[in-house]
Amino acid sequence: MNQSLQEKIEKITGSIHKTNTLDEQGWTSKVRRIFTSDRSYLLKSSFKEKYREWLKEEAQVLKKLSENPEISVPEYYGFIEEKDGDHLIMSFEDGMSLTAALTKAASETERKSLIRSFGRFLHEFHEKEPLDIFKSEGDWLQDQLLKAQYYAENGQCDGNLSLLENLKADRPSPVNQTMIHGDCTAE
């Protein structure tokens, strides 16, 4: 972390004593735990255009949810935009990733139970009526297709324009808006 970024972060967190990179997390971001004299924070940093956009959206969601106790999420502390990268500061929440829990599971039965539990949680979350702060007007799917086109045209996805055109031609039927966890992994 360069001196300029550290100074910006310390305006939010106070003096940084140490940082640890969390290697098992962060496919789209570099994830670090920041230690100050009285607590620790999580710092997510993204550098590619698409991932910076996603991180900014995550910051906006966390900021909105910080005033709404219905869904438990880390506390939002700040978002720093720089020329070459963006950085989200949130509370560090103790716990174990699903990947770590699966690795430590004593049996195949325990691993299956962990996966089922995680799947149930996601199912229930995705079935929820969106909170008023997330309800959108307009055609959500059309907005996503426009983003997908931009990503495909700029080589920022695994798919291609031909695949996107097939999806547009066989567009899914409209569904009611629900809650979506957009970057769900086992990490």
Protein backbone atom coordinates (compact mmCIF):
# COMPACT_ATOMS: atom_id res chain seq x y z
CA MET A 1 0.00 0.00 0.00
CA ASN A 2 1.47 3.34 -0.99
CA GLN A 3 1.85 6.26 1.46
CA SER A 4 -0.92 8.34 -0.13
CA LEU A 5 -3.47 5.52 0.18
CA GLN A 6 -2.38 4.75 3.73
CA GLU A 7 -2.92 8.40 4.72
CA LYS A 8 -6.44 8.36 3.21
CA ILE A 9 -7.29 5.14 5.04
CA GLU A 10 -5.89 6.42 8.34
CA LYS A 11 -8.20 9.45 8.14
CA ILE A 12 -11.02 6.90 8.47
CA THR A 13 -9.50 4.20 10.69
CA GLY A 14 -6.82 5.93 12.72
CA SER A 15 -3.18 4.92 12.69
CA ILE A 16 -2.49 1.56 11.02
CA HIS A 17 -0.22 -0.75 13.04
CA LYS A 18 -0.18 -3.74 10.69
CA THR A 19 -1.91 -5.30 7.67
CA ASN A 20 -2.42 -8.93 6.67
CA THR A 21 -3.44 -10.07 3.20
CA LEU A 22 -6.32 -12.57 3.32
CA ASP A 23 -5.22 -14.94 0.59
CA GLU A 24 -8.27 -17.20 0.64
CA GLN A 25 -10.55 -14.29 -0.14
CA GLY A 26 -10.80 -11.88 -2.99
CA TRP A 27 -11.22 -13.16 -6.55
CA THR A 28 -12.14 -9.68 -7.78
CA SER A 29 -10.31 -7.70 -5.11
CA LYS A 30 -7.19 -7.75 -3.01
CA VAL A 31 -8.48 -8.25 0.54
CA ARG A 32 -6.52 -7.12 3.60
CA ARG A 33 -7.16 -6.96 7.32
CA ILE A 34 -6.00 -3.68 8.80
CA PHE A 35 -5.09 -3.48 12.49
CA THR A 36 -5.24 -0.24 14.47
CA SER A 37 -4.69 0.21 18.21
CA ASP A 38 -8.31 -0.52 19.12
CA ARG A 39 -9.84 -2.68 16.34
CA SER A 40 -9.43 -4.17 12.90
CA TYR A 41 -11.00 -3.38 9.54
CA LEU A 42 -11.35 -5.12 6.20
CA LEU A 43 -9.93 -3.32 3.16
CA LYS A 44 -11.02 -4.49 -0.31
CA SER A 45 -9.10 -3.01 -3.24
CA SER A 46 -10.00 -3.49 -6.91
CA PHE A 47 -7.96 -2.42 -9.91
CA LYS A 48 -9.70 -3.64 -13.09
CA GLU A 49 -12.50 -1.44 -14.45
CA LYS A 50 -15.28 -4.03 -14.10
CA TYR A 51 -14.27 -5.04 -10.59
CA ARG A 52 -13.93 -1.41 -9.52
CA GLU A 53 -17.53 -0.87 -10.65
CA TRP A 54 -18.64 -3.92 -8.65
CA LEU A 55 -16.75 -2.72 -5.56
CA LYS A 56 -18.37 0.70 -5.81
CA GLU A 57 -21.80 -0.96 -5.99
CA GLU A 58 -20.91 -3.09 -2.95
CA ALA A 59 -19.91 0.07 -1.07
CA GLN A 60 -23.23 1.73 -1.94
CA VAL A 61 -25.18 -1.35 -0.76
CA LEU A 62 -23.23 -1.54 2.52
CA LYS A 63 -23.77 2.17 3.10
CA LYS A 64 -27.54 1.80 2.57
CA LEU A 65 -27.74 -1.29 4.76
CA SER A 66 -25.75 0.34 7.56
CA GLU A 67 -28.96 2.20 8.44
CA ASN A 68 -31.17 -0.90 8.11
CA PRO A 69 -30.89 -3.72 10.66
CA GLU A 70 -33.00 -6.22 8.65
CA ILE A 71 -29.96 -7.77 6.97
CA SER A 72 -26.73 -8.37 8.87
CA VAL A 73 -23.73 -7.04 6.96
CA PRO A 74 -20.33 -5.59 7.87
CA GLU A 75 -20.34 -1.95 8.92
CA TYR A 76 -19.45 0.53 6.16
CA TYR A 77 -16.62 2.97 6.98
CA GLY A 78 -15.62 4.49 3.67
CA PHE A 79 -14.85 4.25 -0.02
CA ILE A 80 -11.73 5.70 -1.61
CA GLU A 81 -11.51 6.24 -5.37
CA GLU A 82 -8.08 6.67 -6.89
CA LYS A 83 -6.75 6.82 -10.43
CA ASP A 84 -5.53 3.21 -10.47
CA GLY A 85 -7.82 1.52 -7.95
CA ASP A 86 -10.77 1.78 -5.60
CA HIS A 87 -10.85 0.77 -1.95
CA LEU A 88 -13.70 -0.17 0.38
CA ILE A 89 -13.23 -0.03 4.15
CA MET A 90 -15.63 -2.05 6.31
CA SER A 91 -15.66 -3.77 9.67
CA PHE A 92 -13.74 -7.02 9.96
CA GLU A 93 -16.13 -9.78 10.99
CA ASP A 94 -14.64 -12.79 12.74
CA GLY A 95 -15.64 -16.11 11.32
CA MET A 96 -14.64 -18.85 8.96
CA SER A 97 -15.14 -19.00 5.21
CA LEU A 98 -17.13 -21.87 3.76
CA THR A 99 -13.97 -23.07 2.00
CA ALA A 100 -12.08 -23.24 5.32
CA ALA A 101 -15.00 -25.01 7.02
CA LEU A 102 -15.20 -27.55 4.20
CA THR A 103 -11.46 -28.19 4.47
CA LYS A 104 -11.72 -28.72 8.25
CA ALA A 105 -14.86 -30.87 8.08
CA ALA A 106 -14.30 -34.27 9.66
CA SER A 107 -16.44 -36.23 7.21
CA GLU A 108 -18.23 -36.16 3.88
CA THR A 109 -21.52 -35.97 5.80
CA GLU A 110 -20.34 -32.80 7.56
CA ARG A 111 -19.23 -31.25 4.23
CA LYS A 112 -22.61 -32.01 2.66
CA SER A 113 -24.37 -30.51 5.68
CA LEU A 114 -22.32 -27.29 5.36
CA ILE A 115 -23.10 -27.02 1.64
CA ARG A 116 -26.83 -27.68 2.19
CA SER A 117 -26.95 -25.07 4.96
CA PHE A 118 -25.26 -22.50 2.74
CA GLY A 119 -27.62 -23.36 -0.12
CA ARG A 120 -30.67 -22.96 2.15
CA PHE A 121 -29.44 -19.57 3.29
CA LEU A 122 -28.95 -18.40 -0.32
CA HIS A 123 -32.34 -19.77 -1.34
CA GLU A 124 -34.09 -17.95 1.51
CA PHE A 125 -32.17 -14.75 0.79
CA HIS A 126 -33.03 -14.85 -2.91
CA GLU A 127 -36.70 -15.41 -2.11
CA LYS A 128 -36.91 -12.25 0.01
CA GLU A 129 -38.93 -9.27 -1.10
CA PRO A 130 -36.37 -6.51 -1.74
CA LEU A 131 -36.07 -3.84 0.91
CA ASP A 132 -37.62 -0.54 -0.15
CA ILE A 133 -34.15 0.99 -0.48
CA PHE A 134 -33.35 -1.53 -3.25
CA LYS A 135 -36.59 -1.57 -5.19
CA SER A 136 -35.97 -0.33 -8.68
CA GLU A 137 -38.14 1.14 -11.36
CA GLY A 138 -37.75 0.02 -14.92
CA ASP A 139 -36.50 -3.18 -16.48
CA TRP A 140 -33.70 -4.66 -14.35
CA LEU A 141 -32.90 -7.39 -16.89
CA GLN A 142 -32.54 -4.86 -19.70
CA ASP A 143 -30.05 -2.92 -17.57
CA GLN A 144 -28.05 -6.13 -16.98
CA LEU A 145 -28.05 -6.96 -20.68
CA LEU A 146 -26.65 -3.50 -21.45
CA LYS A 147 -23.86 -4.06 -18.91
CA ALA A 148 -23.18 -7.49 -20.39
CA GLN A 149 -22.89 -5.97 -23.86
CA TYR A 150 -20.36 -3.42 -22.64
CA TYR A 151 -18.32 -6.15 -20.91
CA ALA A 152 -18.43 -8.41 -24.00
CA GLU A 153 -17.45 -5.58 -26.37
CA ASN A 154 -14.49 -4.70 -24.14
CA GLY A 155 -13.25 -8.23 -23.46
CA GLN A 156 -14.16 -8.08 -19.78
CA CYS A 157 -16.08 -11.36 -19.52
CA ASP A 158 -15.84 -15.04 -20.35
CA GLY A 159 -18.79 -14.83 -22.75
CA ASN A 160 -18.97 -13.18 -26.15
CA LEU A 161 -21.36 -11.08 -28.24
CA SER A 162 -22.74 -14.14 -30.02
CA LEU A 163 -23.74 -15.72 -26.73
CA LEU A 164 -25.29 -12.43 -25.62
CA GLU A 165 -27.30 -12.15 -28.85
CA ASN A 166 -28.64 -15.68 -28.25
CA LEU A 167 -29.68 -14.67 -24.75
CA LYS A 168 -31.42 -11.54 -26.04
CA ALA A 169 -33.21 -13.55 -28.74
CA ASP A 170 -34.42 -16.08 -26.16
CA ARG A 171 -34.89 -13.59 -23.35
CA PRO A 172 -36.14 -15.04 -20.05
CA SER A 173 -39.67 -14.19 -18.94
CA PRO A 174 -39.98 -11.30 -16.48
CA VAL A 175 -39.97 -12.21 -12.78
CA ASN A 176 -40.64 -10.21 -9.64
CA GLN A 177 -37.64 -8.43 -8.22
CA THR A 178 -35.94 -10.24 -5.32
CA MET A 179 -32.82 -9.82 -3.23
CA ILE A 180 -29.65 -10.95 -5.04
CA HIS A 181 -26.23 -11.64 -3.54
CA GLY A 182 -24.18 -10.74 -6.59
CA ASP A 183 -20.73 -12.14 -5.78
CA CYS A 184 -21.43 -15.31 -3.88
CA THR A 185 -18.58 -17.79 -3.66
CA ALA A 186 -17.45 -20.45 -1.24
CA GLU A 187 -14.66 -18.13 -0.08
